[in-house]
């Protein structure tokens, strides 16, 4: 399994609005993608820092959304929420219980 993550810095006053929009727009579309497993979002309401993690069957499934431009399109929907550019990384899942 592979887990790309994106570290986001969002305006604190808009963090709940961002979360609802992310769930409605991004997760709904991700569910239709080949190899998608689930999403996890970690938030710090005080600082506006968010870590969004998606889980995929394989690295190939995860990177297919980037190669197709889907990831960039989804990030582009939310640029007005960000106070810093997003940081995107990917990791192999070594333990899952």
PDB file of N, CA and C in Angstrom:
ATOM      1  N   UNK A   1       0.853  -1.172   0.000  1.00  0.00           N
ATOM      2  CA  UNK A   1       0.000   0.000   0.000  1.00  0.00           C
ATOM      3  C   UNK A   1       0.894   1.228   0.000  1.00  0.00           C
ATOM      4  N   UNK A   2       0.390   2.294  -0.593  1.00  0.00           N
ATOM      5  CA  UNK A   2       1.141   3.545  -0.717  1.00  0.00           C
ATOM      6  C   UNK A   2       0.286   4.692  -0.183  1.00  0.00           C
ATOM      7  N   UNK A   3       0.946   5.652   0.482  1.00  0.00           N
ATOM      8  CA  UNK A   3       0.220   6.765   1.108  1.00  0.00           C
ATOM      9  C   UNK A   3       0.848   8.108   0.774  1.00  0.00           C
ATOM     10  N   UNK A   4       0.324   8.796  -0.233  1.00  0.00           N
ATOM     11  CA  UNK A   4       0.743  10.171  -0.464  1.00  0.00           C
ATOM     12  C   UNK A   4       0.141  11.067   0.617  1.00  0.00           C
ATOM     13  N   UNK A   5       0.901  12.068   1.012  1.00  0.00           N
ATOM     14  CA  UNK A   5       0.356  13.026   1.965  1.00  0.00           C
ATOM     15  C   UNK A   5       0.654  14.426   1.489  1.00  0.00           C
ATOM     16  N   UNK A   6      -0.245  15.313   1.868  1.00  0.00           N
ATOM     17  CA  UNK A   6      -0.079  16.721   1.539  1.00  0.00           C
ATOM     18  C   UNK A   6      -0.190  17.513   2.825  1.00  0.00           C
ATOM     19  N   UNK A   7       0.819  18.345   3.081  1.00  0.00           N
ATOM     20  CA  UNK A   7       0.816  19.217   4.247  1.00  0.00           C
ATOM     21  C   UNK A   7       0.334  20.585   3.772  1.00  0.00           C
ATOM     22  N   UNK A   8      -0.733  21.052   4.404  1.00  0.00           N
ATOM     23  CA  UNK A   8      -1.379  22.296   3.997  1.00  0.00           C
ATOM     24  C   UNK A   8      -1.383  23.285   5.149  1.00  0.00           C
ATOM     25  N   UNK A   9      -1.290  24.534   4.818  1.00  0.00           N
ATOM     26  CA  UNK A   9      -1.462  25.608   5.804  1.00  0.00           C
ATOM     27  C   UNK A   9      -2.650  26.426   5.319  1.00  0.00           C
ATOM     28  N   UNK A  10      -3.723  26.421   6.118  1.00  0.00           N
ATOM     29  CA  UNK A  10      -4.990  27.030   5.730  1.00  0.00           C
ATOM     30  C   UNK A  10      -5.311  28.169   6.693  1.00  0.00           C
ATOM     31  N   UNK A  11      -6.009  29.165   6.201  1.00  0.00           N
ATOM     32  CA  UNK A  11      -6.470  30.249   7.073  1.00  0.00           C
ATOM     33  C   UNK A  11      -7.311  29.641   8.204  1.00  0.00           C
ATOM     34  N   UNK A  12      -6.962  29.956   9.447  1.00  0.00           N
ATOM     35  CA  UNK A  12      -7.656  29.346  10.588  1.00  0.00           C
ATOM     36  C   UNK A  12      -9.148  29.659  10.590  1.00  0.00           C
ATOM     37  N   UNK A  13      -9.523  30.825  10.166  1.00  0.00           N
ATOM     38  CA  UNK A  13     -10.943  31.201  10.146  1.00  0.00           C
ATOM     39  C   UNK A  13     -11.744  30.382   9.141  1.00  0.00           C
ATOM     40  N   UNK A  14     -11.054  29.744   8.197  1.00  0.00           N
ATOM     41  CA  UNK A  14     -11.735  29.007   7.126  1.00  0.00           C
ATOM     42  C   UNK A  14     -11.478  27.510   7.170  1.00  0.00           C
ATOM     43  N   UNK A  15     -10.857  27.029   8.242  1.00  0.00           N
ATOM     44  CA  UNK A  15     -10.440  25.625   8.281  1.00  0.00           C
ATOM     45  C   UNK A  15     -11.628  24.666   8.198  1.00  0.00           C
ATOM     46  N   UNK A  16     -12.717  24.944   8.909  1.00  0.00           N
ATOM     47  CA  UNK A  16     -13.882  24.056   8.861  1.00  0.00           C
ATOM     48  C   UNK A  16     -14.549  24.076   7.490  1.00  0.00           C
ATOM     49  N   UNK A  17     -14.574  25.236   6.871  1.00  0.00           N
ATOM     50  CA  UNK A  17     -15.102  25.357   5.507  1.00  0.00           C
ATOM     51  C   UNK A  17     -14.244  24.529   4.545  1.00  0.00           C
ATOM     52  N   UNK A  18     -12.913  24.612   4.707  1.00  0.00           N
ATOM     53  CA  UNK A  18     -12.004  23.838   3.870  1.00  0.00           C
ATOM     54  C   UNK A  18     -12.258  22.342   4.037  1.00  0.00           C
ATOM     55  N   UNK A  19     -12.378  21.884   5.278  1.00  0.00           N
ATOM     56  CA  UNK A  19     -12.585  20.456   5.555  1.00  0.00           C
ATOM     57  C   UNK A  19     -13.859  19.958   4.868  1.00  0.00           C
ATOM     58  N   UNK A  20     -14.936  20.689   4.995  1.00  0.00           N
ATOM     59  CA  UNK A  20     -16.201  20.288   4.376  1.00  0.00           C
ATOM     60  C   UNK A  20     -16.085  20.247   2.857  1.00  0.00           C
ATOM     61  N   UNK A  21     -15.432  21.248   2.282  1.00  0.00           N
ATOM     62  CA  UNK A  21     -15.258  21.279   0.822  1.00  0.00           C
ATOM     63  C   UNK A  21     -14.364  20.150   0.352  1.00  0.00           C
ATOM     64  N   UNK A  22     -13.299  19.884   1.087  1.00  0.00           N
ATOM     65  CA  UNK A  22     -12.390  18.790   0.747  1.00  0.00           C
ATOM     66  C   UNK A  22     -13.140  17.466   0.738  1.00  0.00           C
ATOM     67  N   UNK A  23     -13.912  17.248   1.782  1.00  0.00           N
ATOM     68  CA  UNK A  23     -14.656  15.993   1.874  1.00  0.00           C
ATOM     69  C   UNK A  23     -15.652  15.858   0.725  1.00  0.00           C
ATOM     70  N   UNK A  24     -16.356  16.923   0.437  1.00  0.00           N
ATOM     71  CA  UNK A  24     -17.386  16.898  -0.602  1.00  0.00           C
ATOM     72  C   UNK A  24     -16.789  16.767  -2.010  1.00  0.00           C
ATOM     73  N   UNK A  25     -15.703  17.485  -2.264  1.00  0.00           N
ATOM     74  CA  UNK A  25     -15.153  17.524  -3.619  1.00  0.00           C
ATOM     75  C   UNK A  25     -14.048  16.502  -3.867  1.00  0.00           C
ATOM     76  N   UNK A  26     -13.055  16.466  -3.014  1.00  0.00           N
ATOM     77  CA  UNK A  26     -11.875  15.638  -3.267  1.00  0.00           C
ATOM     78  C   UNK A  26     -12.145  14.164  -2.984  1.00  0.00           C
ATOM     79  N   UNK A  27     -12.685  13.876  -1.820  1.00  0.00           N
ATOM     80  CA  UNK A  27     -12.894  12.469  -1.463  1.00  0.00           C
ATOM     81  C   UNK A  27     -13.931  11.815  -2.373  1.00  0.00           C
ATOM     82  N   UNK A  28     -14.959  12.535  -2.723  1.00  0.00           N
ATOM     83  CA  UNK A  28     -15.979  11.993  -3.622  1.00  0.00           C
ATOM     84  C   UNK A  28     -15.365  11.561  -4.946  1.00  0.00           C
ATOM     85  N   UNK A  29     -14.489  12.378  -5.491  1.00  0.00           N
ATOM     86  CA  UNK A  29     -13.831  12.052  -6.765  1.00  0.00           C
ATOM     87  C   UNK A  29     -12.800  10.935  -6.570  1.00  0.00           C
ATOM     88  N   UNK A  30     -12.056  10.981  -5.478  1.00  0.00           N
ATOM     89  CA  UNK A  30     -11.026   9.968  -5.230  1.00  0.00           C
ATOM     90  C   UNK A  30     -11.612   8.567  -5.156  1.00  0.00           C
ATOM     91  N   UNK A  31     -12.799   8.454  -4.594  1.00  0.00           N
ATOM     92  CA  UNK A  31     -13.448   7.138  -4.467  1.00  0.00           C
ATOM     93  C   UNK A  31     -13.640   6.452  -5.813  1.00  0.00           C
ATOM     94  N   UNK A  32     -13.666   7.219  -6.873  1.00  0.00           N
ATOM     95  CA  UNK A  32     -13.860   6.661  -8.221  1.00  0.00           C
ATOM     96  C   UNK A  32     -12.545   6.269  -8.883  1.00  0.00           C
ATOM     97  N   UNK A  33     -11.421   6.587  -8.258  1.00  0.00           N
ATOM     98  CA  UNK A  33     -10.117   6.335  -8.860  1.00  0.00           C
ATOM     99  C   UNK A  33      -9.680   4.887  -8.608  1.00  0.00           C
ATOM    100  N   UNK A  34      -9.008   4.326  -9.570  1.00  0.00           N
ATOM    101  CA  UNK A  34      -8.484   2.958  -9.469  1.00  0.00           C
ATOM    102  C   UNK A  34      -7.504   2.844  -8.305  1.00  0.00           C
ATOM    103  N   UNK A  35      -7.726   1.878  -7.423  1.00  0.00           N
ATOM    104  CA  UNK A  35      -6.794   1.591  -6.338  1.00  0.00           C
ATOM    105  C   UNK A  35      -6.976   2.419  -5.075  1.00  0.00           C
ATOM    106  N   UNK A  36      -7.910   3.353  -5.083  1.00  0.00           N
ATOM    107  CA  UNK A  36      -8.142   4.189  -3.904  1.00  0.00           C
ATOM    108  C   UNK A  36      -8.680   3.335  -2.756  1.00  0.00           C
ATOM    109  N   UNK A  37      -8.140   3.566  -1.543  1.00  0.00           N
ATOM    110  CA  UNK A  37      -8.592   2.828  -0.359  1.00  0.00           C
ATOM    111  C   UNK A  37      -9.370   3.720   0.606  1.00  0.00           C
ATOM    112  N   UNK A  38      -8.712   4.803   1.055  1.00  0.00           N
ATOM    113  CA  UNK A  38      -9.364   5.693   2.025  1.00  0.00           C
ATOM    114  C   UNK A  38      -8.556   6.968   2.204  1.00  0.00           C
ATOM    115  N   UNK A  39      -9.120   7.890   2.981  1.00  0.00           N
ATOM    116  CA  UNK A  39      -8.505   9.174   3.295  1.00  0.00           C
ATOM    117  C   UNK A  39      -8.396   9.333   4.798  1.00  0.00           C
ATOM    118  N   UNK A  40      -7.413  10.111   5.204  1.00  0.00           N
ATOM    119  CA  UNK A  40      -7.249  10.490   6.602  1.00  0.00           C
ATOM    120  C   UNK A  40      -6.818  11.947   6.611  1.00  0.00           C
ATOM    121  N   UNK A  41      -7.456  12.754   7.458  1.00  0.00           N
ATOM    122  CA  UNK A  41      -7.079  14.156   7.560  1.00  0.00           C
ATOM    123  C   UNK A  41      -6.808  14.488   9.021  1.00  0.00           C
ATOM    124  N   UNK A  42      -5.648  15.075   9.265  1.00  0.00           N
ATOM    125  CA  UNK A  42      -5.257  15.526  10.595  1.00  0.00           C
ATOM    126  C   UNK A  42      -5.245  17.041  10.582  1.00  0.00           C
ATOM    127  N   UNK A  43      -5.834  17.670  11.602  1.00  0.00           N
ATOM    128  CA  UNK A  43      -5.915  19.131  11.606  1.00  0.00           C
ATOM    129  C   UNK A  43      -5.493  19.707  12.947  1.00  0.00           C
ATOM    130  N   UNK A  44      -4.947  20.897  12.880  1.00  0.00           N
ATOM    131  CA  UNK A  44      -4.661  21.701  14.067  1.00  0.00           C
ATOM    132  C   UNK A  44      -5.459  22.985  13.904  1.00  0.00           C
ATOM    133  N   UNK A  45      -6.559  23.070  14.623  1.00  0.00           N
ATOM    134  CA  UNK A  45      -7.470  24.211  14.495  1.00  0.00           C
ATOM    135  C   UNK A  45      -6.805  25.532  14.889  1.00  0.00           C
ATOM    136  N   UNK A  46      -5.837  25.482  15.803  1.00  0.00           N
ATOM    137  CA  UNK A  46      -5.194  26.713  16.277  1.00  0.00           C
ATOM    138  C   UNK A  46      -4.238  27.308  15.253  1.00  0.00           C
ATOM    139  N   UNK A  47      -3.527  26.431  14.520  1.00  0.00           N
ATOM    140  CA  UNK A  47      -2.525  26.921  13.576  1.00  0.00           C
ATOM    141  C   UNK A  47      -2.984  26.889  12.124  1.00  0.00           C
ATOM    142  N   UNK A  48      -4.017  26.097  11.835  1.00  0.00           N
ATOM    143  CA  UNK A  48      -4.474  25.943  10.457  1.00  0.00           C
ATOM    144  C   UNK A  48      -3.689  24.905   9.676  1.00  0.00           C
ATOM    145  N   UNK A  49      -2.829  24.164  10.350  1.00  0.00           N
ATOM    146  CA  UNK A  49      -2.043  23.134   9.661  1.00  0.00           C
ATOM    147  C   UNK A  49      -2.895  21.877   9.483  1.00  0.00           C
ATOM    148  N   UNK A  50      -2.833  21.336   8.277  1.00  0.00           N
ATOM    149  CA  UNK A  50      -3.592  20.136   7.923  1.00  0.00           C
ATOM    150  C   UNK A  50      -2.657  19.152   7.235  1.00  0.00           C
ATOM    151  N   UNK A  51      -2.792  17.891   7.598  1.00  0.00           N
ATOM    152  CA  UNK A  51      -2.090  16.825   6.891  1.00  0.00           C
ATOM    153  C   UNK A  51      -3.162  15.924   6.298  1.00  0.00           C
ATOM    154  N   UNK A  52      -3.219  15.881   4.985  1.00  0.00           N
ATOM    155  CA  UNK A  52      -4.194  15.050   4.274  1.00  0.00           C
ATOM    156  C   UNK A  52      -3.450  13.846   3.704  1.00  0.00           C
ATOM    157  N   UNK A  53      -3.905  12.661   4.063  1.00  0.00           N
ATOM    158  CA  UNK A  53      -3.257  11.421   3.633  1.00  0.00           C
ATOM    159  C   UNK A  53      -4.274  10.578   2.881  1.00  0.00           C
ATOM    160  N   UNK A  54      -3.891  10.106   1.707  1.00  0.00           N
ATOM    161  CA  UNK A  54      -4.723   9.153   0.981  1.00  0.00           C
ATOM    162  C   UNK A  54      -3.996   7.820   0.953  1.00  0.00           C
ATOM    163  N   UNK A  55      -4.755   6.750   0.929  1.00  0.00           N
ATOM    164  CA  UNK A  55      -4.193   5.405   0.899  1.00  0.00           C
ATOM    165  C   UNK A  55      -4.620   4.720  -0.389  1.00  0.00           C
ATOM    166  N   UNK A  56      -3.633   4.108  -1.048  1.00  0.00           N
ATOM    167  CA  UNK A  56      -3.850   3.484  -2.353  1.00  0.00           C
ATOM    168  C   UNK A  56      -3.290   2.068  -2.343  1.00  0.00           C
ATOM    169  N   UNK A  57      -3.836   1.223  -3.203  1.00  0.00           N
ATOM    170  CA  UNK A  57      -3.358  -0.154  -3.328  1.00  0.00           C
ATOM    171  C   UNK A  57      -1.866  -0.190  -3.668  1.00  0.00           C
ATOM    172  N   UNK A  58      -1.431   0.696  -4.556  1.00  0.00           N
ATOM    173  CA  UNK A  58      -0.041   0.680  -5.004  1.00  0.00           C
ATOM    174  C   UNK A  58       0.440   2.102  -5.291  1.00  0.00           C
ATOM    175  N   UNK A  59       1.746   2.233  -5.410  1.00  0.00           N
ATOM    176  CA  UNK A  59       2.332   3.522  -5.783  1.00  0.00           C
ATOM    177  C   UNK A  59       1.869   3.922  -7.181  1.00  0.00           C
ATOM    178  N   UNK A  60       1.737   2.944  -8.071  1.00  0.00           N
ATOM    179  CA  UNK A  60       1.289   3.227  -9.430  1.00  0.00           C
ATOM    180  C   UNK A  60      -0.125   3.829  -9.432  1.00  0.00           C
ATOM    181  N   UNK A  61      -1.004   3.287  -8.587  1.00  0.00           N
ATOM    182  CA  UNK A  61      -2.357   3.842  -8.502  1.00  0.00           C
ATOM    183  C   UNK A  61      -2.318   5.280  -7.994  1.00  0.00           C
ATOM    184  N   UNK A  62      -1.503   5.521  -6.982  1.00  0.00           N
ATOM    185  CA  UNK A  62      -1.409   6.866  -6.402  1.00  0.00           C
ATOM    186  C   UNK A  62      -0.811   7.856  -7.390  1.00  0.00           C
ATOM    187  N   UNK A  63       0.239   7.473  -8.060  1.00  0.00           N
ATOM    188  CA  UNK A  63       0.892   8.404  -8.973  1.00  0.00           C
ATOM    189  C   UNK A  63       0.099   8.615 -10.262  1.00  0.00           C
ATOM    190  N   UNK A  64      -0.813   7.711 -10.568  1.00  0.00           N
ATOM    191  CA  UNK A  64      -1.650   7.888 -11.760  1.00  0.00           C
ATOM    192  C   UNK A  64      -2.474   9.170 -11.651  1.00  0.00           C
ATOM    193  N   UNK A  65      -2.914   9.518 -10.442  1.00  0.00           N
ATOM    194  CA  UNK A  65      -3.696  10.748 -10.278  1.00  0.00           C
ATOM    195  C   UNK A  65      -2.832  11.978 -10.497  1.00  0.00           C
ATOM    196  N   UNK A  66      -1.543  11.871 -10.212  1.00  0.00           N
ATOM    197  CA  UNK A  66      -0.635  12.991 -10.450  1.00  0.00           C
ATOM    198  C   UNK A  66      -0.288  13.099 -11.930  1.00  0.00           C
ATOM    199  N   UNK A  67      -0.003  11.974 -12.540  1.00  0.00           N
ATOM    200  CA  UNK A  67       0.359  11.957 -13.959  1.00  0.00           C
ATOM    201  C   UNK A  67      -0.789  12.491 -14.811  1.00  0.00           C
ATOM    202  N   UNK A  68      -2.014  12.145 -14.429  1.00  0.00           N
ATOM    203  CA  UNK A  68      -3.187  12.596 -15.193  1.00  0.00           C
ATOM    204  C   UNK A  68      -3.497  14.075 -14.982  1.00  0.00           C
ATOM    205  N   UNK A  69      -2.867  14.695 -13.952  1.00  0.00           N
ATOM    206  CA  UNK A  69      -3.142  16.085 -13.641  1.00  0.00           C
ATOM    207  C   UNK A  69      -4.274  16.260 -12.642  1.00  0.00           C
ATOM    208  N   UNK A  70      -4.878  15.148 -12.217  1.00  0.00           N
ATOM    209  CA  UNK A  70      -6.000  15.207 -11.276  1.00  0.00           C
ATOM    210  C   UNK A  70      -5.597  15.839  -9.945  1.00  0.00           C
ATOM    211  N   UNK A  71      -4.448  15.426  -9.401  1.00  0.00           N
ATOM    212  CA  UNK A  71      -3.999  15.973  -8.114  1.00  0.00           C
ATOM    213  C   UNK A  71      -3.825  17.499  -8.210  1.00  0.00           C
ATOM    214  N   UNK A  72      -3.154  17.957  -9.247  1.00  0.00           N
ATOM    215  CA  UNK A  72      -2.912  19.385  -9.422  1.00  0.00           C
ATOM    216  C   UNK A  72      -4.217  20.154  -9.571  1.00  0.00           C
ATOM    217  N   UNK A  73      -5.179  19.569 -10.265  1.00  0.00           N
ATOM    218  CA  UNK A  73      -6.483  20.197 -10.438  1.00  0.00           C
ATOM    219  C   UNK A  73      -7.192  20.334  -9.090  1.00  0.00           C
ATOM    220  N   UNK A  74      -7.136  19.288  -8.279  1.00  0.00           N
ATOM    221  CA  UNK A  74      -7.798  19.323  -6.974  1.00  0.00           C
ATOM    222  C   UNK A  74      -7.149  20.352  -6.053  1.00  0.00           C
ATOM    223  N   UNK A  75      -5.826  20.407  -6.036  1.00  0.00           N
ATOM    224  CA  UNK A  75      -5.133  21.404  -5.211  1.00  0.00           C
ATOM    225  C   UNK A  75      -5.501  22.805  -5.693  1.00  0.00           C
ATOM    226  N   UNK A  76      -5.599  22.983  -7.003  1.00  0.00           N
ATOM    227  CA  UNK A  76      -5.944  24.279  -7.574  1.00  0.00           C
ATOM    228  C   UNK A  76      -7.299  24.810  -7.146  1.00  0.00           C
ATOM    229  N   UNK A  77      -8.212  23.916  -6.805  1.00  0.00           N
ATOM    230  CA  UNK A  77      -9.545  24.344  -6.346  1.00  0.00           C
ATOM    231  C   UNK A  77      -9.482  25.119  -5.029  1.00  0.00           C
ATOM    232  N   UNK A  78      -8.422  24.892  -4.259  1.00  0.00           N
ATOM    233  CA  UNK A  78      -8.372  25.388  -2.891  1.00  0.00           C
ATOM    234  C   UNK A  78      -7.309  26.453  -2.643  1.00  0.00           C
ATOM    235  N   UNK A  79      -6.690  26.973  -3.682  1.00  0.00           N
ATOM    236  CA  UNK A  79      -5.587  27.915  -3.480  1.00  0.00           C
ATOM    237  C   UNK A  79      -5.963  29.137  -2.665  1.00  0.00           C
ATOM    238  N   UNK A  80      -7.210  29.563  -2.724  1.00  0.00           N
ATOM    239  CA  UNK A  80      -7.597  30.744  -1.951  1.00  0.00           C
ATOM    240  C   UNK A  80      -7.683  30.468  -0.443  1.00  0.00           C
ATOM    241  N   UNK A  81      -7.630  29.217  -0.031  1.00  0.00           N
ATOM    242  CA  UNK A  81      -7.615  28.858   1.387  1.00  0.00           C
ATOM    243  C   UNK A  81      -6.200  28.869   1.973  1.00  0.00           C
ATOM    244  N   UNK A  82      -5.187  28.653   1.116  1.00  0.00           N
ATOM    245  CA  UNK A  82      -3.825  28.416   1.583  1.00  0.00           C
ATOM    246  C   UNK A  82      -3.105  29.696   1.996  1.00  0.00           C
ATOM    247  N   UNK A  83      -2.321  29.582   3.076  1.00  0.00           N
ATOM    248  CA  UNK A  83      -1.444  30.678   3.479  1.00  0.00           C
ATOM    249  C   UNK A  83      -0.001  30.379   3.095  1.00  0.00           C
ATOM    250  N   UNK A  84       0.271  29.135   2.689  1.00  0.00           N
ATOM    251  CA  UNK A  84       1.578  28.693   2.183  1.00  0.00           C
ATOM    252  C   UNK A  84       1.325  27.671   1.083  1.00  0.00           C
ATOM    253  N   UNK A  85       2.273  27.494   0.191  1.00  0.00           N
ATOM    254  CA  UNK A  85       2.110  26.446  -0.821  1.00  0.00           C
ATOM    255  C   UNK A  85       2.088  25.059  -0.163  1.00  0.00           C
ATOM    256  N   UNK A  86       1.261  24.142  -0.675  1.00  0.00           N
ATOM    257  CA  UNK A  86       1.217  22.783  -0.131  1.00  0.00           C
ATOM    258  C   UNK A  86       2.539  22.045  -0.348  1.00  0.00           C
ATOM    259  N   UNK A  87       2.818  21.125   0.554  1.00  0.00           N
ATOM    260  CA  UNK A  87       3.977  20.231   0.435  1.00  0.00           C
ATOM    261  C   UNK A  87       3.417  18.833   0.196  1.00  0.00           C
ATOM    262  N   UNK A  88       3.891  18.163  -0.856  1.00  0.00           N
ATOM    263  CA  UNK A  88       3.359  16.850  -1.228  1.00  0.00           C
ATOM    264  C   UNK A  88       4.473  15.819  -1.171  1.00  0.00           C
ATOM    265  N   UNK A  89       4.214  14.700  -0.468  1.00  0.00           N
ATOM    266  CA  UNK A  89       5.186  13.617  -0.326  1.00  0.00           C
ATOM    267  C   UNK A  89       4.456  12.286  -0.401  1.00  0.00           C
ATOM    268  N   UNK A  90       5.185  11.207  -0.611  1.00  0.00           N
ATOM    269  CA  UNK A  90       4.571   9.883  -0.650  1.00  0.00           C
ATOM    270  C   UNK A  90       5.408   8.860   0.082  1.00  0.00           C
ATOM    271  N   UNK A  91       4.734   7.890   0.701  1.00  0.00           N
ATOM    272  CA  UNK A  91       5.408   6.884   1.520  1.00  0.00           C
ATOM    273  C   UNK A  91       4.786   5.509   1.319  1.00  0.00           C
ATOM    274  N   UNK A  92       5.628   4.489   1.389  1.00  0.00           N
ATOM    275  CA  UNK A  92       5.147   3.113   1.455  1.00  0.00           C
ATOM    276  C   UNK A  92       4.570   2.883   2.845  1.00  0.00           C
ATOM    277  N   UNK A  93       3.447   2.186   2.923  1.00  0.00           N
ATOM    278  CA  UNK A  93       2.866   1.837   4.223  1.00  0.00           C
ATOM    279  C   UNK A  93       3.566   0.565   4.703  1.00  0.00           C
ATOM    280  N   UNK A  94       4.285   0.679   5.828  1.00  0.00           N
ATOM    281  CA  UNK A  94       5.046  -0.456   6.351  1.00  0.00           C
ATOM    282  C   UNK A  94       4.264  -1.255   7.377  1.00  0.00           C
ATOM    283  N   UNK A  95       3.429  -0.591   8.149  1.00  0.00           N
ATOM    284  CA  UNK A  95       2.611  -1.268   9.156  1.00  0.00           C
ATOM    285  C   UNK A  95       1.193  -0.718   9.056  1.00  0.00           C
ATOM    286  N   UNK A  96       0.241  -1.629   9.030  1.00  0.00           N
ATOM    287  CA  UNK A  96      -1.176  -1.239   9.076  1.00  0.00           C
ATOM    288  C   UNK A  96      -1.874  -2.259   9.972  1.00  0.00           C
ATOM    289  N   UNK A  97      -2.493  -1.785  11.009  1.00  0.00           N
ATOM    290  CA  UNK A  97      -3.170  -2.701  11.945  1.00  0.00           C
ATOM    291  C   UNK A  97      -4.598  -2.309  12.103  1.00  0.00           C
TER     292      UNK A  97
END
